């Protein structure tokens, strides 16, 4: 069983990567056993269209040096342009995850909740 050290644990330690003609790194805004809220600040329109039009995307959810491979589908999105910079926000629903990675995800969420309550 994997245990995360909650000391000095922040959301900056958790992020996603999707390989769409190069690695696109996204910030994790919200996380549950069913889905991932995200924000991409360095993404182009071709990559956004790929995400919007795909029924099945595999991404890596990184927790510091560890990662979990997860199959997701986009359920909502919003493209914003503020001060000339595009930001792509949205939410993925999780549809594919291994049993071991599901346990890791559960432990990560519990660690995040514990660290917020301190």
C-alpha atoms as a PDB file:
ATOM      1  CA  UNK A   1       0.000   0.000   0.000  1.00  0.00           C
ATOM      2  CA  UNK A   2       1.328   3.411  -0.982  1.00  0.00           C
ATOM      3  CA  UNK A   3       1.283   6.142   1.623  1.00  0.00           C
ATOM      4  CA  UNK A   4       1.819   9.782   0.764  1.00  0.00           C
ATOM      5  CA  UNK A   5       3.644  12.017   3.203  1.00  0.00           C
ATOM      6  CA  UNK A   6       1.204  14.862   3.874  1.00  0.00           C
ATOM      7  CA  UNK A   7       3.892  17.133   5.303  1.00  0.00           C
ATOM      8  CA  UNK A   8       4.526  19.995   2.842  1.00  0.00           C
ATOM      9  CA  UNK A   9       1.955  18.482   0.457  1.00  0.00           C
ATOM     10  CA  UNK A  10       0.241  20.982  -1.853  1.00  0.00           C
ATOM     11  CA  UNK A  11      -1.764  20.908  -5.078  1.00  0.00           C
ATOM     12  CA  UNK A  12       1.423  22.002  -6.867  1.00  0.00           C
ATOM     13  CA  UNK A  13       2.655  18.453  -6.235  1.00  0.00           C
ATOM     14  CA  UNK A  14      -0.248  17.109  -8.332  1.00  0.00           C
ATOM     15  CA  UNK A  15      -0.503  17.743 -12.074  1.00  0.00           C
ATOM     16  CA  UNK A  16      -1.454  16.010 -15.319  1.00  0.00           C
ATOM     17  CA  UNK A  17       0.360  15.346 -18.577  1.00  0.00           C
ATOM     18  CA  UNK A  18      -1.268  14.443 -21.878  1.00  0.00           C
ATOM     19  CA  UNK A  19       0.790  13.523 -24.947  1.00  0.00           C
ATOM     20  CA  UNK A  20      -0.844  15.369 -27.873  1.00  0.00           C
ATOM     21  CA  UNK A  21       1.873  16.095 -30.439  1.00  0.00           C
ATOM     22  CA  UNK A  22       4.108  16.817 -27.469  1.00  0.00           C
ATOM     23  CA  UNK A  23       3.524  16.798 -23.734  1.00  0.00           C
ATOM     24  CA  UNK A  24       0.872  19.208 -22.470  1.00  0.00           C
ATOM     25  CA  UNK A  25       1.109  19.846 -18.718  1.00  0.00           C
ATOM     26  CA  UNK A  26      -1.988  20.866 -16.789  1.00  0.00           C
ATOM     27  CA  UNK A  27      -2.707  22.004 -13.264  1.00  0.00           C
ATOM     28  CA  UNK A  28      -5.122  19.890 -11.224  1.00  0.00           C
ATOM     29  CA  UNK A  29      -7.817  22.142  -9.761  1.00  0.00           C
ATOM     30  CA  UNK A  30     -10.078  19.450  -8.295  1.00  0.00           C
ATOM     31  CA  UNK A  31      -9.773  15.715  -7.845  1.00  0.00           C
ATOM     32  CA  UNK A  32     -12.183  12.942  -6.926  1.00  0.00           C
ATOM     33  CA  UNK A  33     -12.543   9.215  -7.495  1.00  0.00           C
ATOM     34  CA  UNK A  34     -14.778  10.035 -10.467  1.00  0.00           C
ATOM     35  CA  UNK A  35     -13.051  12.972 -12.119  1.00  0.00           C
ATOM     36  CA  UNK A  36     -10.353  15.582 -12.502  1.00  0.00           C
ATOM     37  CA  UNK A  37     -10.788  19.352 -12.768  1.00  0.00           C
ATOM     38  CA  UNK A  38      -7.944  20.903 -14.761  1.00  0.00           C
ATOM     39  CA  UNK A  39      -6.397  24.076 -16.136  1.00  0.00           C
ATOM     40  CA  UNK A  40      -4.004  24.276 -19.090  1.00  0.00           C
ATOM     41  CA  UNK A  41      -2.117  27.509 -19.671  1.00  0.00           C
ATOM     42  CA  UNK A  42       0.314  26.306 -22.371  1.00  0.00           C
ATOM     43  CA  UNK A  43      -1.863  24.600 -24.948  1.00  0.00           C
ATOM     44  CA  UNK A  44      -2.635  25.312 -28.591  1.00  0.00           C
ATOM     45  CA  UNK A  45      -5.950  25.151 -30.455  1.00  0.00           C
ATOM     46  CA  UNK A  46      -5.068  21.870 -32.189  1.00  0.00           C
ATOM     47  CA  UNK A  47      -4.477  20.226 -28.814  1.00  0.00           C
ATOM     48  CA  UNK A  48      -7.707  21.700 -27.401  1.00  0.00           C
ATOM     49  CA  UNK A  49      -9.699  20.356 -30.364  1.00  0.00           C
ATOM     50  CA  UNK A  50      -8.132  16.918 -29.876  1.00  0.00           C
ATOM     51  CA  UNK A  51      -9.243  16.885 -26.227  1.00  0.00           C
ATOM     52  CA  UNK A  52     -12.744  18.113 -27.113  1.00  0.00           C
ATOM     53  CA  UNK A  53     -13.240  15.522 -29.852  1.00  0.00           C
ATOM     54  CA  UNK A  54     -11.784  12.453 -28.119  1.00  0.00           C
ATOM     55  CA  UNK A  55     -13.939   9.894 -26.348  1.00  0.00           C
ATOM     56  CA  UNK A  56     -10.929   8.228 -24.793  1.00  0.00           C
ATOM     57  CA  UNK A  57      -7.808  10.073 -23.624  1.00  0.00           C
ATOM     58  CA  UNK A  58      -5.090   8.572 -21.470  1.00  0.00           C
ATOM     59  CA  UNK A  59      -3.243  10.937 -19.195  1.00  0.00           C
ATOM     60  CA  UNK A  60      -0.706  10.682 -16.430  1.00  0.00           C
ATOM     61  CA  UNK A  61      -1.685  12.078 -13.043  1.00  0.00           C
ATOM     62  CA  UNK A  62       1.572  12.954 -11.302  1.00  0.00           C
ATOM     63  CA  UNK A  63       1.937  13.023  -7.539  1.00  0.00           C
ATOM     64  CA  UNK A  64       5.427  14.368  -6.991  1.00  0.00           C
ATOM     65  CA  UNK A  65       7.667  11.704  -8.612  1.00  0.00           C
ATOM     66  CA  UNK A  66       4.927   9.037  -8.906  1.00  0.00           C
ATOM     67  CA  UNK A  67       2.240   8.840 -11.567  1.00  0.00           C
ATOM     68  CA  UNK A  68      -1.049   7.087 -12.219  1.00  0.00           C
ATOM     69  CA  UNK A  69      -2.217   6.265 -15.755  1.00  0.00           C
ATOM     70  CA  UNK A  70      -5.894   7.151 -16.159  1.00  0.00           C
ATOM     71  CA  UNK A  71      -8.359   6.958 -19.048  1.00  0.00           C
ATOM     72  CA  UNK A  72     -10.622  10.018 -19.167  1.00  0.00           C
ATOM     73  CA  UNK A  73     -13.272  11.799 -21.230  1.00  0.00           C
ATOM     74  CA  UNK A  74     -13.910  15.537 -21.301  1.00  0.00           C
ATOM     75  CA  UNK A  75     -17.291  16.437 -19.775  1.00  0.00           C
ATOM     76  CA  UNK A  76     -17.063  20.236 -19.714  1.00  0.00           C
ATOM     77  CA  UNK A  77     -14.647  22.940 -20.811  1.00  0.00           C
ATOM     78  CA  UNK A  78     -14.135  26.685 -21.031  1.00  0.00           C
ATOM     79  CA  UNK A  79     -11.561  28.569 -23.070  1.00  0.00           C
ATOM     80  CA  UNK A  80     -10.730  31.972 -21.609  1.00  0.00           C
ATOM     81  CA  UNK A  81      -8.509  34.722 -22.936  1.00  0.00           C
ATOM     82  CA  UNK A  82      -7.308  37.172 -20.319  1.00  0.00           C
ATOM     83  CA  UNK A  83      -4.702  39.787 -21.143  1.00  0.00           C
ATOM     84  CA  UNK A  84      -3.825  37.970 -24.366  1.00  0.00           C
ATOM     85  CA  UNK A  85      -3.196  34.613 -22.688  1.00  0.00           C
ATOM     86  CA  UNK A  86      -5.409  31.571 -23.328  1.00  0.00           C
ATOM     87  CA  UNK A  87      -6.455  29.332 -20.448  1.00  0.00           C
ATOM     88  CA  UNK A  88      -8.308  26.072 -21.067  1.00  0.00           C
ATOM     89  CA  UNK A  89     -10.265  24.853 -18.034  1.00  0.00           C
ATOM     90  CA  UNK A  90     -12.486  21.833 -17.751  1.00  0.00           C
ATOM     91  CA  UNK A  91     -13.344  18.544 -16.195  1.00  0.00           C
ATOM     92  CA  UNK A  92     -12.612  14.954 -17.114  1.00  0.00           C
ATOM     93  CA  UNK A  93     -14.613  11.966 -15.994  1.00  0.00           C
ATOM     94  CA  UNK A  94     -12.504   8.902 -15.193  1.00  0.00           C
ATOM     95  CA  UNK A  95     -13.503   5.771 -17.098  1.00  0.00           C
ATOM     96  CA  UNK A  96     -10.392   3.568 -16.986  1.00  0.00           C
ATOM     97  CA  UNK A  97      -8.017   3.001 -14.076  1.00  0.00           C
ATOM     98  CA  UNK A  98      -6.282  -0.126 -12.818  1.00  0.00           C
ATOM     99  CA  UNK A  99      -7.286  -1.508  -9.398  1.00  0.00           C
ATOM    100  CA  UNK A 100      -3.839  -0.661  -7.967  1.00  0.00           C
ATOM    101  CA  UNK A 101      -3.952   2.871  -9.354  1.00  0.00           C
ATOM    102  CA  UNK A 102      -7.491   3.266  -8.029  1.00  0.00           C
ATOM    103  CA  UNK A 103      -6.134   2.522  -4.543  1.00  0.00           C
ATOM    104  CA  UNK A 104      -3.324   5.062  -5.083  1.00  0.00           C
ATOM    105  CA  UNK A 105      -5.861   7.671  -6.193  1.00  0.00           C
ATOM    106  CA  UNK A 106      -7.969   7.007  -3.106  1.00  0.00           C
ATOM    107  CA  UNK A 107      -4.911   7.379  -0.867  1.00  0.00           C
ATOM    108  CA  UNK A 108      -3.931  10.613  -2.634  1.00  0.00           C
ATOM    109  CA  UNK A 109      -7.387  12.099  -2.112  1.00  0.00           C
ATOM    110  CA  UNK A 110      -7.396  11.076   1.554  1.00  0.00           C
ATOM    111  CA  UNK A 111      -3.930  12.620   2.030  1.00  0.00           C
ATOM    112  CA  UNK A 112      -5.075  15.847   0.385  1.00  0.00           C
ATOM    113  CA  UNK A 113      -8.113  16.020   2.663  1.00  0.00           C
ATOM    114  CA  UNK A 114      -5.976  15.340   5.737  1.00  0.00           C
ATOM    115  CA  UNK A 115      -3.407  17.988   4.824  1.00  0.00           C
ATOM    116  CA  UNK A 116      -6.154  20.608   4.262  1.00  0.00           C
ATOM    117  CA  UNK A 117      -7.699  19.941   7.665  1.00  0.00           C
ATOM    118  CA  UNK A 118      -4.449  20.610   9.525  1.00  0.00           C
END
